[in-house]
């Protein structure tokens, strides 16, 4: 998960939007499948949230605003359900 987030973020920031988006969306899939509070405590963040924030940014920058907003809605749901700050 962390490798996908890092690869996606770096690719996005280097202007490789498609590659970045693919890695970030894959990180979301992995994070959803492995919901673990241990990961959050170990790395200091919830990969479901970080992956969605960055994937949303990638989608927005590529002109997919509807899909980006859908990730935003998912974020809100996760935060409200988990009580994440």
C-alpha atoms as a PDB file:
ATOM      1  CA  UNK A   1       0.000   0.000   0.000  1.00  0.00           C
ATOM      2  CA  UNK A   2       2.654   2.478   1.013  1.00  0.00           C
ATOM      3  CA  UNK A   3       4.674   1.783  -2.128  1.00  0.00           C
ATOM      4  CA  UNK A   4       1.627   2.442  -4.309  1.00  0.00           C
ATOM      5  CA  UNK A   5       0.877   5.694  -2.472  1.00  0.00           C
ATOM      6  CA  UNK A   6       4.466   6.899  -2.783  1.00  0.00           C
ATOM      7  CA  UNK A   7       4.762   5.840  -6.428  1.00  0.00           C
ATOM      8  CA  UNK A   8       1.436   7.473  -7.232  1.00  0.00           C
ATOM      9  CA  UNK A   9       2.221  10.723  -5.438  1.00  0.00           C
ATOM     10  CA  UNK A  10       5.672  11.032  -7.009  1.00  0.00           C
ATOM     11  CA  UNK A  11       4.352  10.219 -10.475  1.00  0.00           C
ATOM     12  CA  UNK A  12       1.590  12.773 -10.083  1.00  0.00           C
ATOM     13  CA  UNK A  13       3.981  15.481  -8.910  1.00  0.00           C
ATOM     14  CA  UNK A  14       6.382  14.677 -11.762  1.00  0.00           C
ATOM     15  CA  UNK A  15       3.612  15.201 -14.304  1.00  0.00           C
ATOM     16  CA  UNK A  16       2.911  11.529 -15.016  1.00  0.00           C
ATOM     17  CA  UNK A  17      -0.793  11.770 -14.248  1.00  0.00           C
ATOM     18  CA  UNK A  18      -2.017   8.489 -15.711  1.00  0.00           C
ATOM     19  CA  UNK A  19       0.673   6.441 -13.994  1.00  0.00           C
ATOM     20  CA  UNK A  20       0.143   8.289 -10.736  1.00  0.00           C
ATOM     21  CA  UNK A  21      -3.601   7.883 -10.848  1.00  0.00           C
ATOM     22  CA  UNK A  22      -3.279   4.160 -11.537  1.00  0.00           C
ATOM     23  CA  UNK A  23      -0.977   3.623  -8.563  1.00  0.00           C
ATOM     24  CA  UNK A  24      -3.170   5.713  -6.282  1.00  0.00           C
ATOM     25  CA  UNK A  25      -6.363   3.939  -7.315  1.00  0.00           C
ATOM     26  CA  UNK A  26      -4.589   0.621  -6.736  1.00  0.00           C
ATOM     27  CA  UNK A  27      -3.552   1.824  -3.262  1.00  0.00           C
ATOM     28  CA  UNK A  28      -7.219   2.559  -2.500  1.00  0.00           C
ATOM     29  CA  UNK A  29      -8.193  -0.962  -3.558  1.00  0.00           C
ATOM     30  CA  UNK A  30      -5.461  -2.473  -1.383  1.00  0.00           C
ATOM     31  CA  UNK A  31      -6.310  -0.265   1.593  1.00  0.00           C
ATOM     32  CA  UNK A  32      -9.998  -1.135   1.392  1.00  0.00           C
ATOM     33  CA  UNK A  33      -9.159  -4.851   1.356  1.00  0.00           C
ATOM     34  CA  UNK A  34      -6.775  -4.587   4.329  1.00  0.00           C
ATOM     35  CA  UNK A  35      -8.473  -2.233   6.740  1.00  0.00           C
ATOM     36  CA  UNK A  36      -6.115  -2.317   9.689  1.00  0.00           C
ATOM     37  CA  UNK A  37      -5.689   0.098  12.543  1.00  0.00           C
ATOM     38  CA  UNK A  38      -2.187  -1.308  13.061  1.00  0.00           C
ATOM     39  CA  UNK A  39      -1.147   0.194   9.730  1.00  0.00           C
ATOM     40  CA  UNK A  40      -2.487   3.576  10.771  1.00  0.00           C
ATOM     41  CA  UNK A  41      -0.547   3.496  14.037  1.00  0.00           C
ATOM     42  CA  UNK A  42       2.643   2.270  12.356  1.00  0.00           C
ATOM     43  CA  UNK A  43       2.701   4.846   9.530  1.00  0.00           C
ATOM     44  CA  UNK A  44       0.764   7.656  11.188  1.00  0.00           C
ATOM     45  CA  UNK A  45      -1.983   7.865   8.591  1.00  0.00           C
ATOM     46  CA  UNK A  46      -4.911   5.888   7.252  1.00  0.00           C
ATOM     47  CA  UNK A  47      -3.997   4.692   3.736  1.00  0.00           C
ATOM     48  CA  UNK A  48      -7.692   4.669   2.771  1.00  0.00           C
ATOM     49  CA  UNK A  49      -7.757   8.425   3.337  1.00  0.00           C
ATOM     50  CA  UNK A  50      -4.353   9.341   1.893  1.00  0.00           C
ATOM     51  CA  UNK A  51      -4.892   7.232  -1.231  1.00  0.00           C
ATOM     52  CA  UNK A  52      -8.297   8.778  -1.857  1.00  0.00           C
ATOM     53  CA  UNK A  53      -7.091  12.355  -1.301  1.00  0.00           C
ATOM     54  CA  UNK A  54      -4.255  11.940  -3.793  1.00  0.00           C
ATOM     55  CA  UNK A  55      -6.328   9.929  -6.289  1.00  0.00           C
ATOM     56  CA  UNK A  56      -8.977  12.640  -6.126  1.00  0.00           C
ATOM     57  CA  UNK A  57      -6.341  15.257  -6.874  1.00  0.00           C
ATOM     58  CA  UNK A  58      -5.055  13.220  -9.831  1.00  0.00           C
ATOM     59  CA  UNK A  59      -8.561  12.786 -11.228  1.00  0.00           C
ATOM     60  CA  UNK A  60      -9.341  16.486 -10.788  1.00  0.00           C
ATOM     61  CA  UNK A  61      -6.143  17.543 -12.569  1.00  0.00           C
ATOM     62  CA  UNK A  62      -6.962  15.206 -15.454  1.00  0.00           C
ATOM     63  CA  UNK A  63     -10.432  16.685 -15.866  1.00  0.00           C
ATOM     64  CA  UNK A  64     -12.453  13.922 -14.193  1.00  0.00           C
ATOM     65  CA  UNK A  65     -14.139  16.169 -11.647  1.00  0.00           C
ATOM     66  CA  UNK A  66     -17.171  13.897 -11.153  1.00  0.00           C
ATOM     67  CA  UNK A  67     -14.962  10.952 -10.208  1.00  0.00           C
ATOM     68  CA  UNK A  68     -12.824  13.182  -7.988  1.00  0.00           C
ATOM     69  CA  UNK A  69     -15.918  14.346  -6.130  1.00  0.00           C
ATOM     70  CA  UNK A  70     -17.000  10.731  -5.664  1.00  0.00           C
ATOM     71  CA  UNK A  71     -13.703  10.029  -3.878  1.00  0.00           C
ATOM     72  CA  UNK A  72     -14.385  13.101  -1.744  1.00  0.00           C
ATOM     73  CA  UNK A  73     -17.745  11.698  -0.785  1.00  0.00           C
ATOM     74  CA  UNK A  74     -16.098   8.378   0.101  1.00  0.00           C
ATOM     75  CA  UNK A  75     -13.614  10.267   2.278  1.00  0.00           C
ATOM     76  CA  UNK A  76     -16.369  11.957   4.203  1.00  0.00           C
ATOM     77  CA  UNK A  77     -18.074   8.615   4.819  1.00  0.00           C
ATOM     78  CA  UNK A  78     -14.855   6.982   6.062  1.00  0.00           C
ATOM     79  CA  UNK A  79     -14.080   9.840   8.425  1.00  0.00           C
ATOM     80  CA  UNK A  80     -17.585   9.937   9.843  1.00  0.00           C
ATOM     81  CA  UNK A  81     -17.753   6.154  10.299  1.00  0.00           C
ATOM     82  CA  UNK A  82     -14.292   5.768  11.837  1.00  0.00           C
ATOM     83  CA  UNK A  83     -14.206   9.008  13.786  1.00  0.00           C
ATOM     84  CA  UNK A  84     -10.884   9.905  12.159  1.00  0.00           C
ATOM     85  CA  UNK A  85      -9.695  13.459  12.769  1.00  0.00           C
END
